[in-house]
C-alpha cells in the first residue's frame, strides 16, 4: 500500500501527541443570547445567566460579544448585551 505522505507510513493509531492523553467526555454547547437592564451592562449579563439557568443546566461561562445602549432624552435608559453562554450537555 502506498504511503499517504512520502516518508511516512499510514497508521490508524493516535499521533504521539495524543498518546496517554485522557479525552474528556464532557461536551459543551454555546448559544447566543440578548439581555437588557435599566441598571448596567453587568446587571444585563447577570439577567442573561439567570434566565438561561431556568431552562439550561450547568451554565459554565458567559462571553460578552457586544455592548449597546438605548438612549432617550440624552440619557441611557437600557443597557443591552449580546452574549455567548456555554453549558454542559448531558
PDB file of N, CA and C in Angstrom:
ATOM      1  N   UNK A   1       0.839  -1.174   0.000  1.00  0.00           N
ATOM      2  CA  UNK A   1       0.000   0.000   0.000  1.00  0.00           C
ATOM      3  C   UNK A   1       0.892   1.248   0.000  1.00  0.00           C
ATOM      4  N   UNK A   2       0.557   2.238  -0.792  1.00  0.00           N
ATOM      5  CA  UNK A   2       1.357   3.461  -0.882  1.00  0.00           C
ATOM      6  C   UNK A   2       1.105   4.336   0.335  1.00  0.00           C
ATOM      7  N   UNK A   3       2.139   5.007   0.782  1.00  0.00           N
ATOM      8  CA  UNK A   3       2.013   5.890   1.940  1.00  0.00           C
ATOM      9  C   UNK A   3       1.233   7.143   1.545  1.00  0.00           C
ATOM     10  N   UNK A   4       0.404   7.631   2.468  1.00  0.00           N
ATOM     11  CA  UNK A   4      -0.386   8.832   2.213  1.00  0.00           C
ATOM     12  C   UNK A   4       0.510  10.057   2.097  1.00  0.00           C
ATOM     13  N   UNK A   5       1.611  10.051   2.833  1.00  0.00           N
ATOM     14  CA  UNK A   5       2.584  11.133   2.782  1.00  0.00           C
ATOM     15  C   UNK A   5       3.940  10.500   2.547  1.00  0.00           C
ATOM     16  N   UNK A   6       4.690  11.002   1.598  1.00  0.00           N
ATOM     17  CA  UNK A   6       6.007  10.405   1.335  1.00  0.00           C
ATOM     18  C   UNK A   6       6.869  10.385   2.604  1.00  0.00           C
ATOM     19  N   UNK A   7       7.475   9.266   2.865  1.00  0.00           N
ATOM     20  CA  UNK A   7       8.360   9.137   4.011  1.00  0.00           C
ATOM     21  C   UNK A   7       7.641   8.785   5.307  1.00  0.00           C
ATOM     22  N   UNK A   8       6.292   8.715   5.275  1.00  0.00           N
ATOM     23  CA  UNK A   8       5.538   8.356   6.482  1.00  0.00           C
ATOM     24  C   UNK A   8       4.623   7.192   6.159  1.00  0.00           C
ATOM     25  N   UNK A   9       4.579   6.243   7.050  1.00  0.00           N
ATOM     26  CA  UNK A   9       3.672   5.116   6.864  1.00  0.00           C
ATOM     27  C   UNK A   9       2.301   5.507   7.395  1.00  0.00           C
ATOM     28  N   UNK A  10       1.252   4.937   6.801  1.00  0.00           N
ATOM     29  CA  UNK A  10      -0.094   5.221   7.286  1.00  0.00           C
ATOM     30  C   UNK A  10      -0.360   4.363   8.510  1.00  0.00           C
ATOM     31  N   UNK A  11      -1.118   4.906   9.437  1.00  0.00           N
ATOM     32  CA  UNK A  11      -1.421   4.195  10.666  1.00  0.00           C
ATOM     33  C   UNK A  11      -2.776   4.641  11.172  1.00  0.00           C
ATOM     34  N   UNK A  12      -3.465   3.757  11.878  1.00  0.00           N
ATOM     35  CA  UNK A  12      -4.744   4.088  12.478  1.00  0.00           C
ATOM     36  C   UNK A  12      -4.571   4.422  13.953  1.00  0.00           C
ATOM     37  N   UNK A  13      -3.354   4.504  14.394  1.00  0.00           N
ATOM     38  CA  UNK A  13      -3.082   4.839  15.791  1.00  0.00           C
ATOM     39  C   UNK A  13      -3.081   6.349  15.967  1.00  0.00           C
ATOM     40  N   UNK A  14      -3.331   6.795  17.205  1.00  0.00           N
ATOM     41  CA  UNK A  14      -3.297   8.224  17.504  1.00  0.00           C
ATOM     42  C   UNK A  14      -1.872   8.740  17.380  1.00  0.00           C
ATOM     43  N   UNK A  15      -1.710   9.990  16.947  1.00  0.00           N
ATOM     44  CA  UNK A  15      -0.365  10.568  16.911  1.00  0.00           C
ATOM     45  C   UNK A  15       0.246  10.553  18.312  1.00  0.00           C
ATOM     46  N   UNK A  16       1.575  10.594  18.394  1.00  0.00           N
ATOM     47  CA  UNK A  16       2.246  10.547  19.682  1.00  0.00           C
ATOM     48  C   UNK A  16       1.803  11.664  20.611  1.00  0.00           C
ATOM     49  N   UNK A  17       1.408  12.804  20.074  1.00  0.00           N
ATOM     50  CA  UNK A  17       0.971  13.917  20.913  1.00  0.00           C
ATOM     51  C   UNK A  17      -0.249  13.533  21.759  1.00  0.00           C
ATOM     52  N   UNK A  18      -1.045  12.576  21.269  1.00  0.00           N
ATOM     53  CA  UNK A  18      -2.243  12.162  21.984  1.00  0.00           C
ATOM     54  C   UNK A  18      -2.034  10.888  22.804  1.00  0.00           C
ATOM     55  N   UNK A  19      -0.875  10.266  22.686  1.00  0.00           N
ATOM     56  CA  UNK A  19      -0.627   9.025  23.410  1.00  0.00           C
ATOM     57  C   UNK A  19      -0.704   9.278  24.906  1.00  0.00           C
ATOM     58  N   UNK A  20      -1.538   8.559  25.580  1.00  0.00           N
ATOM     59  CA  UNK A  20      -1.677   8.678  27.021  1.00  0.00           C
ATOM     60  C   UNK A  20      -2.564   9.832  27.472  1.00  0.00           C
ATOM     61  N   UNK A  21      -3.063  10.639  26.543  1.00  0.00           N
ATOM     62  CA  UNK A  21      -3.934  11.759  26.916  1.00  0.00           C
ATOM     63  C   UNK A  21      -5.305  11.237  27.311  1.00  0.00           C
ATOM     64  N   UNK A  22      -5.896  11.858  28.292  1.00  0.00           N
ATOM     65  CA  UNK A  22      -7.246  11.489  28.718  1.00  0.00           C
ATOM     66  C   UNK A  22      -8.211  12.386  27.974  1.00  0.00           C
ATOM     67  N   UNK A  23      -9.089  11.797  27.198  1.00  0.00           N
ATOM     68  CA  UNK A  23     -10.058  12.566  26.440  1.00  0.00           C
ATOM     69  C   UNK A  23     -11.288  12.812  27.307  1.00  0.00           C
ATOM     70  N   UNK A  24     -11.737  14.039  27.385  1.00  0.00           N
ATOM     71  CA  UNK A  24     -12.900  14.404  28.185  1.00  0.00           C
ATOM     72  C   UNK A  24     -14.172  13.926  27.503  1.00  0.00           C
ATOM     73  N   UNK A  25     -15.115  13.440  28.280  1.00  0.00           N
ATOM     74  CA  UNK A  25     -16.399  13.006  27.732  1.00  0.00           C
ATOM     75  C   UNK A  25     -17.441  14.101  27.877  1.00  0.00           C
ATOM     76  N   UNK A  26     -17.031  15.265  28.391  1.00  0.00           N
ATOM     77  CA  UNK A  26     -17.946  16.382  28.525  1.00  0.00           C
ATOM     78  C   UNK A  26     -18.036  17.135  27.208  1.00  0.00           C
ATOM     79  N   UNK A  27     -19.250  17.453  26.825  1.00  0.00           N
ATOM     80  CA  UNK A  27     -19.464  18.239  25.625  1.00  0.00           C
ATOM     81  C   UNK A  27     -20.153  19.523  26.051  1.00  0.00           C
ATOM     82  N   UNK A  28     -19.645  20.639  25.571  1.00  0.00           N
ATOM     83  CA  UNK A  28     -20.189  21.943  25.924  1.00  0.00           C
ATOM     84  C   UNK A  28     -20.824  22.554  24.687  1.00  0.00           C
ATOM     85  N   UNK A  29     -22.012  23.104  24.857  1.00  0.00           N
ATOM     86  CA  UNK A  29     -22.712  23.784  23.765  1.00  0.00           C
ATOM     87  C   UNK A  29     -22.670  25.282  24.035  1.00  0.00           C
ATOM     88  N   UNK A  30     -22.593  26.069  22.967  1.00  0.00           N
ATOM     89  CA  UNK A  30     -22.561  27.523  23.085  1.00  0.00           C
ATOM     90  C   UNK A  30     -23.781  28.086  22.370  1.00  0.00           C
ATOM     91  N   UNK A  31     -24.497  28.979  23.069  1.00  0.00           N
ATOM     92  CA  UNK A  31     -25.647  29.652  22.467  1.00  0.00           C
ATOM     93  C   UNK A  31     -25.451  31.166  22.577  1.00  0.00           C
ATOM     94  N   UNK A  32     -26.127  31.890  21.722  1.00  0.00           N
ATOM     95  CA  UNK A  32     -26.057  33.342  21.783  1.00  0.00           C
ATOM     96  C   UNK A  32     -27.371  33.870  22.335  1.00  0.00           C
ATOM     97  N   UNK A  33     -27.275  34.820  23.265  1.00  0.00           N
ATOM     98  CA  UNK A  33     -28.461  35.397  23.896  1.00  0.00           C
ATOM     99  C   UNK A  33     -28.355  36.919  23.905  1.00  0.00           C
ATOM    100  N   UNK A  34     -29.498  37.560  24.028  1.00  0.00           N
ATOM    101  CA  UNK A  34     -29.585  39.008  24.177  1.00  0.00           C
ATOM    102  C   UNK A  34     -30.218  39.286  25.523  1.00  0.00           C
ATOM    103  N   UNK A  35     -29.734  40.310  26.216  1.00  0.00           N
ATOM    104  CA  UNK A  35     -30.316  40.675  27.512  1.00  0.00           C
ATOM    105  C   UNK A  35     -30.199  42.176  27.688  1.00  0.00           C
ATOM    106  N   UNK A  36     -31.068  42.721  28.551  1.00  0.00           N
ATOM    107  CA  UNK A  36     -31.004  44.157  28.819  1.00  0.00           C
ATOM    108  C   UNK A  36     -31.359  44.441  30.265  1.00  0.00           C
ATOM    109  N   UNK A  37     -30.939  45.616  30.711  1.00  0.00           N
ATOM    110  CA  UNK A  37     -31.195  46.047  32.075  1.00  0.00           C
ATOM    111  C   UNK A  37     -31.204  47.570  32.118  1.00  0.00           C
ATOM    112  N   UNK A  38     -32.065  48.163  32.922  1.00  0.00           N
ATOM    113  CA  UNK A  38     -32.019  49.620  33.079  1.00  0.00           C
ATOM    114  C   UNK A  38     -30.873  50.072  34.001  1.00  0.00           C
ATOM    115  N   UNK A  39     -30.208  49.113  34.687  1.00  0.00           N
ATOM    116  CA  UNK A  39     -29.157  49.453  35.664  1.00  0.00           C
ATOM    117  C   UNK A  39     -27.758  49.532  35.062  1.00  0.00           C
ATOM    118  N   UNK A  40     -27.303  48.414  34.416  1.00  0.00           N
ATOM    119  CA  UNK A  40     -25.919  48.354  33.935  1.00  0.00           C
ATOM    120  C   UNK A  40     -25.736  47.168  32.995  1.00  0.00           C
ATOM    121  N   UNK A  41     -24.567  47.152  32.317  1.00  0.00           N
ATOM    122  CA  UNK A  41     -24.239  46.001  31.474  1.00  0.00           C
ATOM    123  C   UNK A  41     -23.991  44.773  32.339  1.00  0.00           C
ATOM    124  N   UNK A  42     -23.401  44.969  33.505  1.00  0.00           N
ATOM    125  CA  UNK A  42     -23.171  43.839  34.421  1.00  0.00           C
ATOM    126  C   UNK A  42     -24.491  43.213  34.849  1.00  0.00           C
ATOM    127  N   UNK A  43     -25.485  44.046  35.120  1.00  0.00           N
ATOM    128  CA  UNK A  43     -26.803  43.538  35.504  1.00  0.00           C
ATOM    129  C   UNK A  43     -27.458  42.814  34.331  1.00  0.00           C
ATOM    130  N   UNK A  44     -27.262  43.313  33.131  1.00  0.00           N
ATOM    131  CA  UNK A  44     -27.794  42.636  31.941  1.00  0.00           C
ATOM    132  C   UNK A  44     -27.159  41.250  31.795  1.00  0.00           C
ATOM    133  N   UNK A  45     -25.851  41.149  32.066  1.00  0.00           N
ATOM    134  CA  UNK A  45     -25.168  39.852  31.996  1.00  0.00           C
ATOM    135  C   UNK A  45     -25.711  38.905  33.062  1.00  0.00           C
ATOM    136  N   UNK A  46     -25.918  39.414  34.274  1.00  0.00           N
ATOM    137  CA  UNK A  46     -26.467  38.582  35.355  1.00  0.00           C
ATOM    138  C   UNK A  46     -27.871  38.106  35.001  1.00  0.00           C
ATOM    139  N   UNK A  47     -28.657  38.971  34.364  1.00  0.00           N
ATOM    140  CA  UNK A  47     -30.008  38.578  33.951  1.00  0.00           C
ATOM    141  C   UNK A  47     -29.963  37.512  32.859  1.00  0.00           C
ATOM    142  N   UNK A  48     -28.996  37.606  31.960  1.00  0.00           N
ATOM    143  CA  UNK A  48     -28.853  36.599  30.898  1.00  0.00           C
ATOM    144  C   UNK A  48     -28.555  35.232  31.505  1.00  0.00           C
ATOM    145  N   UNK A  49     -27.637  35.184  32.468  1.00  0.00           N
ATOM    146  CA  UNK A  49     -27.287  33.916  33.121  1.00  0.00           C
ATOM    147  C   UNK A  49     -28.482  33.383  33.914  1.00  0.00           C
ATOM    148  N   UNK A  50     -29.161  34.249  34.663  1.00  0.00           N
ATOM    149  CA  UNK A  50     -30.310  33.816  35.470  1.00  0.00           C
ATOM    150  C   UNK A  50     -31.429  33.269  34.582  1.00  0.00           C
ATOM    151  N   UNK A  51     -31.692  33.925  33.468  1.00  0.00           N
ATOM    152  CA  UNK A  51     -32.743  33.452  32.558  1.00  0.00           C
ATOM    153  C   UNK A  51     -32.357  32.115  31.926  1.00  0.00           C
ATOM    154  N   UNK A  52     -31.083  31.972  31.548  1.00  0.00           N
ATOM    155  CA  UNK A  52     -30.619  30.723  30.938  1.00  0.00           C
ATOM    156  C   UNK A  52     -30.704  29.568  31.927  1.00  0.00           C
ATOM    157  N   UNK A  53     -30.379  29.827  33.184  1.00  0.00           N
ATOM    158  CA  UNK A  53     -30.417  28.778  34.218  1.00  0.00           C
ATOM    159  C   UNK A  53     -31.818  28.203  34.405  1.00  0.00           C
ATOM    160  N   UNK A  54     -32.855  28.936  34.020  1.00  0.00           N
ATOM    161  CA  UNK A  54     -34.228  28.440  34.167  1.00  0.00           C
ATOM    162  C   UNK A  54     -34.518  27.279  33.223  1.00  0.00           C
ATOM    163  N   UNK A  55     -33.855  27.252  32.062  1.00  0.00           N
ATOM    164  CA  UNK A  55     -34.118  26.170  31.110  1.00  0.00           C
ATOM    165  C   UNK A  55     -32.889  25.322  30.777  1.00  0.00           C
ATOM    166  N   UNK A  56     -31.711  25.762  31.193  1.00  0.00           N
ATOM    167  CA  UNK A  56     -30.482  25.008  30.947  1.00  0.00           C
ATOM    168  C   UNK A  56     -29.868  24.600  32.270  1.00  0.00           C
ATOM    169  N   UNK A  57     -29.137  23.488  32.248  1.00  0.00           N
ATOM    170  CA  UNK A  57     -28.416  23.067  33.444  1.00  0.00           C
ATOM    171  C   UNK A  57     -26.927  23.305  33.252  1.00  0.00           C
ATOM    172  N   UNK A  58     -26.284  23.647  34.323  1.00  0.00           N
ATOM    173  CA  UNK A  58     -24.823  23.717  34.354  1.00  0.00           C
ATOM    174  C   UNK A  58     -24.235  24.736  33.372  1.00  0.00           C
ATOM    175  N   UNK A  59     -24.742  25.988  33.435  1.00  0.00           N
ATOM    176  CA  UNK A  59     -24.143  27.054  32.636  1.00  0.00           C
ATOM    177  C   UNK A  59     -22.724  27.256  33.142  1.00  0.00           C
ATOM    178  N   UNK A  60     -21.752  27.234  32.234  1.00  0.00           N
ATOM    179  CA  UNK A  60     -20.336  27.271  32.597  1.00  0.00           C
ATOM    180  C   UNK A  60     -19.687  28.639  32.452  1.00  0.00           C
ATOM    181  N   UNK A  61     -20.084  29.409  31.433  1.00  0.00           N
ATOM    182  CA  UNK A  61     -19.427  30.700  31.235  1.00  0.00           C
ATOM    183  C   UNK A  61     -20.287  31.622  30.389  1.00  0.00           C
ATOM    184  N   UNK A  62     -19.937  32.899  30.446  1.00  0.00           N
ATOM    185  CA  UNK A  62     -20.574  33.903  29.604  1.00  0.00           C
ATOM    186  C   UNK A  62     -19.469  34.734  28.968  1.00  0.00           C
ATOM    187  N   UNK A  63     -19.605  34.972  27.675  1.00  0.00           N
ATOM    188  CA  UNK A  63     -18.677  35.807  26.921  1.00  0.00           C
ATOM    189  C   UNK A  63     -19.505  36.946  26.336  1.00  0.00           C
ATOM    190  N   UNK A  64     -19.191  38.176  26.690  1.00  0.00           N
ATOM    191  CA  UNK A  64     -19.928  39.317  26.185  1.00  0.00           C
ATOM    192  C   UNK A  64     -19.370  39.684  24.817  1.00  0.00           C
ATOM    193  N   UNK A  65     -20.184  39.504  23.806  1.00  0.00           N
ATOM    194  CA  UNK A  65     -19.776  39.740  22.422  1.00  0.00           C
ATOM    195  C   UNK A  65     -19.948  41.204  22.023  1.00  0.00           C
ATOM    196  N   UNK A  66     -21.021  41.842  22.526  1.00  0.00           N
ATOM    197  CA  UNK A  66     -21.317  43.200  22.101  1.00  0.00           C
ATOM    198  C   UNK A  66     -22.069  43.952  23.199  1.00  0.00           C
ATOM    199  N   UNK A  67     -21.767  45.220  23.330  1.00  0.00           N
ATOM    200  CA  UNK A  67     -22.447  46.103  24.273  1.00  0.00           C
ATOM    201  C   UNK A  67     -23.190  47.163  23.463  1.00  0.00           C
ATOM    202  N   UNK A  68     -24.397  47.512  23.882  1.00  0.00           N
ATOM    203  CA  UNK A  68     -25.114  48.633  23.284  1.00  0.00           C
ATOM    204  C   UNK A  68     -26.030  49.220  24.339  1.00  0.00           C
ATOM    205  N   UNK A  69     -26.602  50.368  24.020  1.00  0.00           N
ATOM    206  CA  UNK A  69     -27.499  51.013  24.977  1.00  0.00           C
ATOM    207  C   UNK A  69     -28.589  51.766  24.233  1.00  0.00           C
ATOM    208  N   UNK A  70     -29.729  51.836  24.867  1.00  0.00           N
ATOM    209  CA  UNK A  70     -30.845  52.618  24.353  1.00  0.00           C
ATOM    210  C   UNK A  70     -30.783  53.988  25.036  1.00  0.00           C
ATOM    211  N   UNK A  71     -30.899  55.041  24.242  1.00  0.00           N
ATOM    212  CA  UNK A  71     -30.807  56.397  24.774  1.00  0.00           C
ATOM    213  C   UNK A  71     -32.132  57.115  24.544  1.00  0.00           C
ATOM    214  N   UNK A  72     -32.589  57.810  25.589  1.00  0.00           N
ATOM    215  CA  UNK A  72     -33.793  58.644  25.490  1.00  0.00           C
ATOM    216  C   UNK A  72     -33.521  59.961  26.199  1.00  0.00           C
ATOM    217  N   UNK A  73     -33.824  61.041  25.529  1.00  0.00           N
ATOM    218  CA  UNK A  73     -33.632  62.384  26.083  1.00  0.00           C
ATOM    219  C   UNK A  73     -32.211  62.597  26.612  1.00  0.00           C
ATOM    220  N   UNK A  74     -31.233  62.056  25.867  1.00  0.00           N
ATOM    221  CA  UNK A  74     -29.834  62.262  26.219  1.00  0.00           C
ATOM    222  C   UNK A  74     -29.311  61.397  27.350  1.00  0.00           C
ATOM    223  N   UNK A  75     -30.112  60.442  27.815  1.00  0.00           N
ATOM    224  CA  UNK A  75     -29.669  59.565  28.909  1.00  0.00           C
ATOM    225  C   UNK A  75     -29.850  58.100  28.518  1.00  0.00           C
ATOM    226  N   UNK A  76     -28.962  57.265  29.044  1.00  0.00           N
ATOM    227  CA  UNK A  76     -29.092  55.818  28.819  1.00  0.00           C
ATOM    228  C   UNK A  76     -30.265  55.307  29.639  1.00  0.00           C
ATOM    229  N   UNK A  77     -31.184  54.627  28.949  1.00  0.00           N
ATOM    230  CA  UNK A  77     -32.349  54.081  29.650  1.00  0.00           C
ATOM    231  C   UNK A  77     -32.332  52.554  29.686  1.00  0.00           C
ATOM    232  N   UNK A  78     -31.537  51.929  28.832  1.00  0.00           N
ATOM    233  CA  UNK A  78     -31.408  50.473  28.823  1.00  0.00           C
ATOM    234  C   UNK A  78     -30.022  50.082  28.344  1.00  0.00           C
ATOM    235  N   UNK A  79     -29.359  49.228  29.128  1.00  0.00           N
ATOM    236  CA  UNK A  79     -28.058  48.665  28.770  1.00  0.00           C
ATOM    237  C   UNK A  79     -28.318  47.300  28.153  1.00  0.00           C
ATOM    238  N   UNK A  80     -27.754  47.063  26.978  1.00  0.00           N
ATOM    239  CA  UNK A  80     -28.011  45.800  26.268  1.00  0.00           C
ATOM    240  C   UNK A  80     -26.707  45.079  25.982  1.00  0.00           C
ATOM    241  N   UNK A  81     -26.777  43.755  26.045  1.00  0.00           N
ATOM    242  CA  UNK A  81     -25.613  42.936  25.691  1.00  0.00           C
ATOM    243  C   UNK A  81     -26.038  41.832  24.725  1.00  0.00           C
ATOM    244  N   UNK A  82     -25.105  41.431  23.911  1.00  0.00           N
ATOM    245  CA  UNK A  82     -25.205  40.201  23.135  1.00  0.00           C
ATOM    246  C   UNK A  82     -24.117  39.314  23.731  1.00  0.00           C
ATOM    247  N   UNK A  83     -24.512  38.128  24.174  1.00  0.00           N
ATOM    248  CA  UNK A  83     -23.554  37.278  24.879  1.00  0.00           C
ATOM    249  C   UNK A  83     -23.620  35.844  24.382  1.00  0.00           C
ATOM    250  N   UNK A  84     -22.515  35.140  24.577  1.00  0.00           N
ATOM    251  CA  UNK A  84     -22.458  33.714  24.300  1.00  0.00           C
ATOM    252  C   UNK A  84     -22.378  33.003  25.650  1.00  0.00           C
ATOM    253  N   UNK A  85     -23.272  32.065  25.848  1.00  0.00           N
ATOM    254  CA  UNK A  85     -23.299  31.262  27.076  1.00  0.00           C
ATOM    255  C   UNK A  85     -22.892  29.842  26.721  1.00  0.00           C
ATOM    256  N   UNK A  86     -22.074  29.247  27.559  1.00  0.00           N
ATOM    257  CA  UNK A  86     -21.723  27.835  27.357  1.00  0.00           C
ATOM    258  C   UNK A  86     -22.292  27.020  28.510  1.00  0.00           C
ATOM    259  N   UNK A  87     -22.758  25.830  28.153  1.00  0.00           N
ATOM    260  CA  UNK A  87     -23.307  24.930  29.171  1.00  0.00           C
ATOM    261  C   UNK A  87     -22.991  23.496  28.762  1.00  0.00           C
ATOM    262  N   UNK A  88     -22.944  22.633  29.769  1.00  0.00           N
ATOM    263  CA  UNK A  88     -22.584  21.237  29.547  1.00  0.00           C
ATOM    264  C   UNK A  88     -23.801  20.444  29.099  1.00  0.00           C
ATOM    265  N   UNK A  89     -23.644  19.670  28.044  1.00  0.00           N
ATOM    266  CA  UNK A  89     -24.702  18.761  27.599  1.00  0.00           C
ATOM    267  C   UNK A  89     -24.664  17.494  28.427  1.00  0.00           C
ATOM    268  N   UNK A  90     -25.811  16.937  28.669  1.00  0.00           N
ATOM    269  CA  UNK A  90     -25.868  15.692  29.448  1.00  0.00           C
ATOM    270  C   UNK A  90     -25.992  14.487  28.548  1.00  0.00           C
TER     271      UNK A  90
END
